[in-house]
Amino acid sequence: MRIEVSRTGGFTGVPRRAEVDTSALPDADEWHVLADQAVSTGRDAPPAGVPDGFHYRITVGDRTVHCADPHLSEAQRALISRVLKEGA
């Protein structure tokens, strides 16, 4: 499964993008559960955020959702952090 996270906004406005392919990972099942939870609470269109806050686009397989700080679910926050760290 391919998981992609794109981050825009923030104080400097520098976009960031990372991608992880879970097919060869030993903890792929954990990634899949977290990804399913994260997209289940996302929106189809970008939500309003806060000034200088981050906006995120999460793509899991063929499903894309949007979310924004400070209204991230725990699953979204965990998945975003993990993908941006490991997919860099």
PDB file of N, CA and C in Angstrom:
ATOM      1  N   MET A   1       0.840  -1.165   0.000  1.00  0.00           N
ATOM      2  CA  MET A   1       0.000   0.000   0.000  1.00  0.00           C
ATOM      3  C   MET A   1       0.893   1.239   0.000  1.00  0.00           C
ATOM      4  N   ARG A   2       0.506   2.208  -0.788  1.00  0.00           N
ATOM      5  CA  ARG A   2       1.243   3.467  -0.850  1.00  0.00           C
ATOM      6  C   ARG A   2       0.507   4.497  -0.006  1.00  0.00           C
ATOM      7  N   ILE A   3       1.256   5.157   0.875  1.00  0.00           N
ATOM      8  CA  ILE A   3       0.708   6.213   1.721  1.00  0.00           C
ATOM      9  C   ILE A   3       1.511   7.471   1.447  1.00  0.00           C
ATOM     10  N   GLU A   4       0.823   8.535   1.091  1.00  0.00           N
ATOM     11  CA  GLU A   4       1.479   9.802   0.784  1.00  0.00           C
ATOM     12  C   GLU A   4       0.894  10.906   1.654  1.00  0.00           C
ATOM     13  N   VAL A   5       1.773  11.760   2.167  1.00  0.00           N
ATOM     14  CA  VAL A   5       1.358  12.917   2.959  1.00  0.00           C
ATOM     15  C   VAL A   5       1.978  14.163   2.342  1.00  0.00           C
ATOM     16  N   SER A   6       1.148  15.168   2.104  1.00  0.00           N
ATOM     17  CA  SER A   6       1.616  16.479   1.647  1.00  0.00           C
ATOM     18  C   SER A   6       1.219  17.496   2.697  1.00  0.00           C
ATOM     19  N   ARG A   7       2.174  18.350   3.062  1.00  0.00           N
ATOM     20  CA  ARG A   7       1.915  19.382   4.066  1.00  0.00           C
ATOM     21  C   ARG A   7       2.159  20.750   3.445  1.00  0.00           C
ATOM     22  N   THR A   8       1.218  21.660   3.636  1.00  0.00           N
ATOM     23  CA  THR A   8       1.362  23.035   3.164  1.00  0.00           C
ATOM     24  C   THR A   8       1.034  23.970   4.313  1.00  0.00           C
ATOM     25  N   GLY A   9       1.345  25.242   4.123  1.00  0.00           N
ATOM     26  CA  GLY A   9       1.035  26.238   5.134  1.00  0.00           C
ATOM     27  C   GLY A   9       2.179  26.415   6.104  1.00  0.00           C
ATOM     28  N   GLY A  10       1.838  26.763   7.319  1.00  0.00           N
ATOM     29  CA  GLY A  10       2.850  27.016   8.324  1.00  0.00           C
ATOM     30  C   GLY A  10       3.406  28.426   8.212  1.00  0.00           C
ATOM     31  N   PHE A  11       4.238  28.792   9.135  1.00  0.00           N
ATOM     32  CA  PHE A  11       4.794  30.139   9.193  1.00  0.00           C
ATOM     33  C   PHE A  11       5.609  30.473   7.945  1.00  0.00           C
ATOM     34  N   THR A  12       6.431  29.524   7.483  1.00  0.00           N
ATOM     35  CA  THR A  12       7.292  29.803   6.327  1.00  0.00           C
ATOM     36  C   THR A  12       6.631  29.455   5.001  1.00  0.00           C
ATOM     37  N   GLY A  13       5.583  28.659   5.030  1.00  0.00           N
ATOM     38  CA  GLY A  13       4.880  28.302   3.805  1.00  0.00           C
ATOM     39  C   GLY A  13       5.621  27.330   2.907  1.00  0.00           C
ATOM     40  N   VAL A  14       6.629  26.643   3.443  1.00  0.00           N
ATOM     41  CA  VAL A  14       7.404  25.690   2.646  1.00  0.00           C
ATOM     42  C   VAL A  14       6.652  24.351   2.620  1.00  0.00           C
ATOM     43  N   PRO A  15       6.248  23.900   1.434  1.00  0.00           N
ATOM     44  CA  PRO A  15       5.528  22.624   1.364  1.00  0.00           C
ATOM     45  C   PRO A  15       6.472  21.442   1.602  1.00  0.00           C
ATOM     46  N   ARG A  16       5.896  20.349   2.067  1.00  0.00           N
ATOM     47  CA  ARG A  16       6.671  19.128   2.296  1.00  0.00           C
ATOM     48  C   ARG A  16       5.828  17.950   1.851  1.00  0.00           C
ATOM     49  N   ARG A  17       6.476  16.949   1.280  1.00  0.00           N
ATOM     50  CA  ARG A  17       5.784  15.768   0.785  1.00  0.00           C
ATOM     51  C   ARG A  17       6.643  14.550   1.067  1.00  0.00           C
ATOM     52  N   ALA A  18       6.014  13.468   1.488  1.00  0.00           N
ATOM     53  CA  ALA A  18       6.723  12.211   1.716  1.00  0.00           C
ATOM     54  C   ALA A  18       5.782  11.061   1.389  1.00  0.00           C
ATOM     55  N   GLU A  19       6.375   9.930   1.065  1.00  0.00           N
ATOM     56  CA  GLU A  19       5.614   8.758   0.661  1.00  0.00           C
ATOM     57  C   GLU A  19       6.252   7.511   1.242  1.00  0.00           C
ATOM     58  N   VAL A  20       5.416   6.557   1.651  1.00  0.00           N
ATOM     59  CA  VAL A  20       5.897   5.276   2.165  1.00  0.00           C
ATOM     60  C   VAL A  20       5.150   4.173   1.437  1.00  0.00           C
ATOM     61  N   ASP A  21       5.891   3.177   0.980  1.00  0.00           N
ATOM     62  CA  ASP A  21       5.287   1.977   0.402  1.00  0.00           C
ATOM     63  C   ASP A  21       5.394   0.891   1.457  1.00  0.00           C
ATOM     64  N   THR A  22       4.267   0.434   1.962  1.00  0.00           N
ATOM     65  CA  THR A  22       4.268  -0.511   3.076  1.00  0.00           C
ATOM     66  C   THR A  22       4.420  -1.967   2.650  1.00  0.00           C
ATOM     67  N   SER A  23       4.439  -2.234   1.365  1.00  0.00           N
ATOM     68  CA  SER A  23       4.417  -3.624   0.891  1.00  0.00           C
ATOM     69  C   SER A  23       5.574  -4.471   1.396  1.00  0.00           C
ATOM     70  N   ALA A  24       6.721  -3.893   1.650  1.00  0.00           N
ATOM     71  CA  ALA A  24       7.875  -4.673   2.098  1.00  0.00           C
ATOM     72  C   ALA A  24       8.209  -4.447   3.573  1.00  0.00           C
ATOM     73  N   LEU A  25       7.376  -3.708   4.272  1.00  0.00           N
ATOM     74  CA  LEU A  25       7.669  -3.399   5.672  1.00  0.00           C
ATOM     75  C   LEU A  25       7.188  -4.514   6.601  1.00  0.00           C
ATOM     76  N   PRO A  26       7.983  -4.853   7.610  1.00  0.00           N
ATOM     77  CA  PRO A  26       7.571  -5.914   8.537  1.00  0.00           C
ATOM     78  C   PRO A  26       6.370  -5.526   9.392  1.00  0.00           C
ATOM     79  N   ASP A  27       6.138  -4.215   9.584  1.00  0.00           N
ATOM     80  CA  ASP A  27       5.007  -3.744  10.380  1.00  0.00           C
ATOM     81  C   ASP A  27       3.890  -3.172   9.499  1.00  0.00           C
ATOM     82  N   ALA A  28       3.745  -3.716   8.315  1.00  0.00           N
ATOM     83  CA  ALA A  28       2.758  -3.217   7.351  1.00  0.00           C
ATOM     84  C   ALA A  28       1.344  -3.235   7.917  1.00  0.00           C
ATOM     85  N   ASP A  29       1.007  -4.254   8.705  1.00  0.00           N
ATOM     86  CA  ASP A  29      -0.342  -4.320   9.268  1.00  0.00           C
ATOM     87  C   ASP A  29      -0.632  -3.122  10.168  1.00  0.00           C
ATOM     88  N   GLU A  30       0.348  -2.698  10.959  1.00  0.00           N
ATOM     89  CA  GLU A  30       0.184  -1.524  11.813  1.00  0.00           C
ATOM     90  C   GLU A  30      -0.047  -0.273  10.973  1.00  0.00           C
ATOM     91  N   TRP A  31       0.722  -0.142   9.888  1.00  0.00           N
ATOM     92  CA  TRP A  31       0.559   0.999   8.974  1.00  0.00           C
ATOM     93  C   TRP A  31      -0.858   1.016   8.401  1.00  0.00           C
ATOM     94  N   HIS A  32      -1.360  -0.147   7.996  1.00  0.00           N
ATOM     95  CA  HIS A  32      -2.678  -0.230   7.359  1.00  0.00           C
ATOM     96  C   HIS A  32      -3.788   0.170   8.327  1.00  0.00           C
ATOM     97  N   VAL A  33      -3.696  -0.302   9.564  1.00  0.00           N
ATOM     98  CA  VAL A  33      -4.705   0.053  10.565  1.00  0.00           C
ATOM     99  C   VAL A  33      -4.682   1.558  10.817  1.00  0.00           C
ATOM    100  N   LEU A  34      -3.497   2.110  11.011  1.00  0.00           N
ATOM    101  CA  LEU A  34      -3.356   3.543  11.257  1.00  0.00           C
ATOM    102  C   LEU A  34      -3.855   4.362  10.064  1.00  0.00           C
ATOM    103  N   ALA A  35      -3.518   3.935   8.861  1.00  0.00           N
ATOM    104  CA  ALA A  35      -3.949   4.643   7.657  1.00  0.00           C
ATOM    105  C   ALA A  35      -5.473   4.603   7.518  1.00  0.00           C
ATOM    106  N   ASP A  36      -6.086   3.457   7.771  1.00  0.00           N
ATOM    107  CA  ASP A  36      -7.547   3.348   7.695  1.00  0.00           C
ATOM    108  C   ASP A  36      -8.221   4.280   8.694  1.00  0.00           C
ATOM    109  N   GLN A  37      -7.679   4.348   9.905  1.00  0.00           N
ATOM    110  CA  GLN A  37      -8.239   5.236  10.924  1.00  0.00           C
ATOM    111  C   GLN A  37      -8.083   6.697  10.517  1.00  0.00           C
ATOM    112  N   ALA A  38      -6.924   7.037   9.969  1.00  0.00           N
ATOM    113  CA  ALA A  38      -6.649   8.434   9.587  1.00  0.00           C
ATOM    114  C   ALA A  38      -7.565   8.911   8.469  1.00  0.00           C
ATOM    115  N   VAL A  39      -7.795   8.094   7.455  1.00  0.00           N
ATOM    116  CA  VAL A  39      -8.643   8.550   6.352  1.00  0.00           C
ATOM    117  C   VAL A  39     -10.120   8.512   6.712  1.00  0.00           C
ATOM    118  N   SER A  40     -10.491   7.708   7.700  1.00  0.00           N
ATOM    119  CA  SER A  40     -11.917   7.623   8.054  1.00  0.00           C
ATOM    120  C   SER A  40     -12.432   8.922   8.653  1.00  0.00           C
ATOM    121  N   THR A  41     -11.550   9.756   9.217  1.00  0.00           N
ATOM    122  CA  THR A  41     -11.988  11.019   9.817  1.00  0.00           C
ATOM    123  C   THR A  41     -11.582  12.234   8.996  1.00  0.00           C
ATOM    124  N   GLY A  42     -11.009  12.000   7.813  1.00  0.00           N
ATOM    125  CA  GLY A  42     -10.610  13.103   6.944  1.00  0.00           C
ATOM    126  C   GLY A  42     -11.777  13.642   6.141  1.00  0.00           C
ATOM    127  N   ARG A  43     -11.541  14.748   5.467  1.00  0.00           N
ATOM    128  CA  ARG A  43     -12.564  15.389   4.634  1.00  0.00           C
ATOM    129  C   ARG A  43     -12.183  15.275   3.166  1.00  0.00           C
ATOM    130  N   ASP A  44     -13.203  15.341   2.329  1.00  0.00           N
ATOM    131  CA  ASP A  44     -12.957  15.293   0.886  1.00  0.00           C
ATOM    132  C   ASP A  44     -12.401  16.602   0.350  1.00  0.00           C
ATOM    133  N   ALA A  45     -12.671  17.704   1.033  1.00  0.00           N
ATOM    134  CA  ALA A  45     -12.184  19.023   0.619  1.00  0.00           C
ATOM    135  C   ALA A  45     -11.368  19.623   1.768  1.00  0.00           C
ATOM    136  N   PRO A  46     -10.410  20.480   1.460  1.00  0.00           N
ATOM    137  CA  PRO A  46      -9.593  21.082   2.507  1.00  0.00           C
ATOM    138  C   PRO A  46     -10.448  21.885   3.505  1.00  0.00           C
ATOM    139  N   PRO A  47     -10.284  21.616   4.811  1.00  0.00           N
ATOM    140  CA  PRO A  47     -11.026  22.376   5.814  1.00  0.00           C
ATOM    141  C   PRO A  47     -10.343  23.706   6.108  1.00  0.00           C
ATOM    142  N   ALA A  48     -11.078  24.585   6.755  1.00  0.00           N
ATOM    143  CA  ALA A  48     -10.468  25.842   7.200  1.00  0.00           C
ATOM    144  C   ALA A  48      -9.506  25.520   8.330  1.00  0.00           C
ATOM    145  N   GLY A  49      -8.396  26.161   8.314  1.00  0.00           N
ATOM    146  CA  GLY A  49      -7.417  25.954   9.372  1.00  0.00           C
ATOM    147  C   GLY A  49      -7.277  27.210  10.199  1.00  0.00           C
ATOM    148  N   VAL A  50      -6.119  27.381  10.768  1.00  0.00           N
ATOM    149  CA  VAL A  50      -5.815  28.566  11.549  1.00  0.00           C
ATOM    150  C   VAL A  50      -4.648  29.284  10.888  1.00  0.00           C
ATOM    151  N   PRO A  51      -4.492  30.589  11.128  1.00  0.00           N
ATOM    152  CA  PRO A  51      -3.362  31.305  10.535  1.00  0.00           C
ATOM    153  C   PRO A  51      -2.038  30.618  10.891  1.00  0.00           C
ATOM    154  N   ASP A  52      -1.195  30.456   9.910  1.00  0.00           N
ATOM    155  CA  ASP A  52       0.115  29.818  10.050  1.00  0.00           C
ATOM    156  C   ASP A  52       0.043  28.353  10.462  1.00  0.00           C
ATOM    157  N   GLY A  53      -1.122  27.745  10.371  1.00  0.00           N
ATOM    158  CA  GLY A  53      -1.263  26.323  10.678  1.00  0.00           C
ATOM    159  C   GLY A  53      -0.981  25.486   9.437  1.00  0.00           C
ATOM    160  N   PHE A  54      -0.736  24.224   9.655  1.00  0.00           N
ATOM    161  CA  PHE A  54      -0.476  23.311   8.542  1.00  0.00           C
ATOM    162  C   PHE A  54      -1.774  22.707   8.023  1.00  0.00           C
ATOM    163  N   HIS A  55      -1.822  22.501   6.716  1.00  0.00           N
ATOM    164  CA  HIS A  55      -2.882  21.762   6.042  1.00  0.00           C
ATOM    165  C   HIS A  55      -2.241  20.499   5.471  1.00  0.00           C
ATOM    166  N   TYR A  56      -2.970  19.396   5.532  1.00  0.00           N
ATOM    167  CA  TYR A  56      -2.429  18.120   5.089  1.00  0.00           C
ATOM    168  C   TYR A  56      -3.354  17.466   4.064  1.00  0.00           C
ATOM    169  N   ARG A  57      -2.730  16.781   3.125  1.00  0.00           N
ATOM    170  CA  ARG A  57      -3.446  15.916   2.190  1.00  0.00           C
ATOM    171  C   ARG A  57      -2.873  14.526   2.404  1.00  0.00           C
ATOM    172  N   ILE A  58      -3.723  13.583   2.756  1.00  0.00           N
ATOM    173  CA  ILE A  58      -3.306  12.201   3.001  1.00  0.00           C
ATOM    174  C   ILE A  58      -3.910  11.331   1.912  1.00  0.00           C
ATOM    175  N   THR A  59      -3.055  10.601   1.220  1.00  0.00           N
ATOM    176  CA  THR A  59      -3.518   9.678   0.188  1.00  0.00           C
ATOM    177  C   THR A  59      -3.110   8.266   0.591  1.00  0.00           C
ATOM    178  N   VAL A  60      -4.105   7.400   0.684  1.00  0.00           N
ATOM    179  CA  VAL A  60      -3.880   5.993   1.011  1.00  0.00           C
ATOM    180  C   VAL A  60      -4.487   5.186  -0.119  1.00  0.00           C
ATOM    181  N   GLY A  61      -3.629   4.567  -0.912  1.00  0.00           N
ATOM    182  CA  GLY A  61      -4.122   3.869  -2.087  1.00  0.00           C
ATOM    183  C   GLY A  61      -4.736   4.857  -3.045  1.00  0.00           C
ATOM    184  N   ASP A  62      -6.034   4.708  -3.329  1.00  0.00           N
ATOM    185  CA  ASP A  62      -6.708   5.622  -4.251  1.00  0.00           C
ATOM    186  C   ASP A  62      -7.649   6.590  -3.529  1.00  0.00           C
ATOM    187  N   ARG A  63      -7.561   6.657  -2.206  1.00  0.00           N
ATOM    188  CA  ARG A  63      -8.416   7.575  -1.421  1.00  0.00           C
ATOM    189  C   ARG A  63      -7.591   8.734  -0.899  1.00  0.00           C
ATOM    190  N   THR A  64      -8.076   9.948  -1.106  1.00  0.00           N
ATOM    191  CA  THR A  64      -7.405  11.156  -0.630  1.00  0.00           C
ATOM    192  C   THR A  64      -8.344  11.933   0.280  1.00  0.00           C
ATOM    193  N   VAL A  65      -7.818  12.335   1.435  1.00  0.00           N
ATOM    194  CA  VAL A  65      -8.574  13.160   2.375  1.00  0.00           C
ATOM    195  C   VAL A  65      -7.718  14.346   2.791  1.00  0.00           C
ATOM    196  N   HIS A  66      -8.374  15.342   3.376  1.00  0.00           N
ATOM    197  CA  HIS A  66      -7.711  16.565   3.818  1.00  0.00           C
ATOM    198  C   HIS A  66      -7.986  16.777   5.295  1.00  0.00           C
ATOM    199  N   CYS A  67      -7.039  17.415   5.973  1.00  0.00           N
ATOM    200  CA  CYS A  67      -7.206  17.782   7.375  1.00  0.00           C
ATOM    201  C   CYS A  67      -6.284  18.953   7.673  1.00  0.00           C
ATOM    202  N   ALA A  68      -6.478  19.595   8.819  1.00  0.00           N
ATOM    203  CA  ALA A  68      -5.684  20.781   9.150  1.00  0.00           C
ATOM    204  C   ALA A  68      -5.476  20.880  10.653  1.00  0.00           C
ATOM    205  N   ASP A  69      -4.350  21.465  11.031  1.00  0.00           N
ATOM    206  CA  ASP A  69      -4.104  21.797  12.440  1.00  0.00           C
ATOM    207  C   ASP A  69      -5.092  22.870  12.842  1.00  0.00           C
ATOM    208  N   PRO A  70      -5.553  22.889  14.027  1.00  0.00           N
ATOM    209  CA  PRO A  70      -5.251  22.012  15.150  1.00  0.00           C
ATOM    210  C   PRO A  70      -6.261  20.876  15.307  1.00  0.00           C
ATOM    211  N   HIS A  71      -7.025  20.586  14.275  1.00  0.00           N
ATOM    212  CA  HIS A  71      -8.129  19.626  14.365  1.00  0.00           C
ATOM    213  C   HIS A  71      -7.784  18.264  13.784  1.00  0.00           C
ATOM    214  N   LEU A  72      -6.598  17.756  14.082  1.00  0.00           N
ATOM    215  CA  LEU A  72      -6.209  16.429  13.615  1.00  0.00           C
ATOM    216  C   LEU A  72      -6.644  15.375  14.628  1.00  0.00           C
ATOM    217  N   SER A  73      -7.079  14.239  14.120  1.00  0.00           N
ATOM    218  CA  SER A  73      -7.359  13.122  15.021  1.00  0.00           C
ATOM    219  C   SER A  73      -6.009  12.535  15.462  1.00  0.00           C
ATOM    220  N   GLU A  74      -6.041  11.735  16.502  1.00  0.00           N
ATOM    221  CA  GLU A  74      -4.798  11.097  16.970  1.00  0.00           C
ATOM    222  C   GLU A  74      -4.192  10.228  15.860  1.00  0.00           C
ATOM    223  N   ALA A  75      -5.040   9.517  15.123  1.00  0.00           N
ATOM    224  CA  ALA A  75      -4.550   8.665  14.040  1.00  0.00           C
ATOM    225  C   ALA A  75      -3.925   9.500  12.926  1.00  0.00           C
ATOM    226  N   GLN A  76      -4.556  10.610  12.588  1.00  0.00           N
ATOM    227  CA  GLN A  76      -3.996  11.485  11.552  1.00  0.00           C
ATOM    228  C   GLN A  76      -2.648  12.036  11.991  1.00  0.00           C
ATOM    229  N   ARG A  77      -2.567  12.513  13.216  1.00  0.00           N
ATOM    230  CA  ARG A  77      -1.319  13.072  13.734  1.00  0.00           C
ATOM    231  C   ARG A  77      -0.207  12.018  13.718  1.00  0.00           C
ATOM    232  N   ALA A  78      -0.535  10.809  14.158  1.00  0.00           N
ATOM    233  CA  ALA A  78       0.458   9.738  14.198  1.00  0.00           C
ATOM    234  C   ALA A  78       0.906   9.341  12.788  1.00  0.00           C
ATOM    235  N   LEU A  79      -0.052   9.195  11.883  1.00  0.00           N
ATOM    236  CA  LEU A  79       0.305   8.797  10.512  1.00  0.00           C
ATOM    237  C   LEU A  79       1.124   9.878   9.820  1.00  0.00           C
ATOM    238  N   ILE A  80       0.714  11.122   9.946  1.00  0.00           N
ATOM    239  CA  ILE A  80       1.444  12.229   9.331  1.00  0.00           C
ATOM    240  C   ILE A  80       2.880  12.259   9.836  1.00  0.00           C
ATOM    241  N   SER A  81       3.038  12.171  11.129  1.00  0.00           N
ATOM    242  CA  SER A  81       4.374  12.201  11.731  1.00  0.00           C
ATOM    243  C   SER A  81       5.231  11.042  11.230  1.00  0.00           C
ATOM    244  N   ARG A  82       4.646   9.881  11.180  1.00  0.00           N
ATOM    245  CA  ARG A  82       5.382   8.678  10.766  1.00  0.00           C
ATOM    246  C   ARG A  82       5.778   8.743   9.299  1.00  0.00           C
ATOM    247  N   VAL A  83       4.866   9.161   8.441  1.00  0.00           N
ATOM    248  CA  VAL A  83       5.178   9.228   7.002  1.00  0.00           C
ATOM    249  C   VAL A  83       6.219  10.316   6.729  1.00  0.00           C
ATOM    250  N   LEU A  84       6.048  11.482   7.334  1.00  0.00           N
ATOM    251  CA  LEU A  84       7.025  12.557   7.087  1.00  0.00           C
ATOM    252  C   LEU A  84       8.401  12.193   7.625  1.00  0.00           C
ATOM    253  N   LYS A  85       8.455  11.376   8.676  1.00  0.00           N
ATOM    254  CA  LYS A  85       9.745  10.955   9.236  1.00  0.00           C
ATOM    255  C   LYS A  85      10.375   9.852   8.388  1.00  0.00           C
ATOM    256  N   GLU A  86       9.611   8.810   8.083  1.00  0.00           N
ATOM    257  CA  GLU A  86      10.163   7.637   7.398  1.00  0.00           C
ATOM    258  C   GLU A  86      10.169   7.747   5.887  1.00  0.00           C
ATOM    259  N   GLY A  87       9.302   8.580   5.352  1.00  0.00           N
ATOM    260  CA  GLY A  87       9.208   8.689   3.905  1.00  0.00           C
ATOM    261  C   GLY A  87      10.052   9.804   3.326  1.00  0.00           C
ATOM    262  N   ALA A  88      10.796  10.479   4.177  1.00  0.00           N
ATOM    263  CA  ALA A  88      11.601  11.617   3.724  1.00  0.00           C
ATOM    264  C   ALA A  88      12.748  11.192   2.833  1.00  0.00           C
TER     265      ALA A  88
END
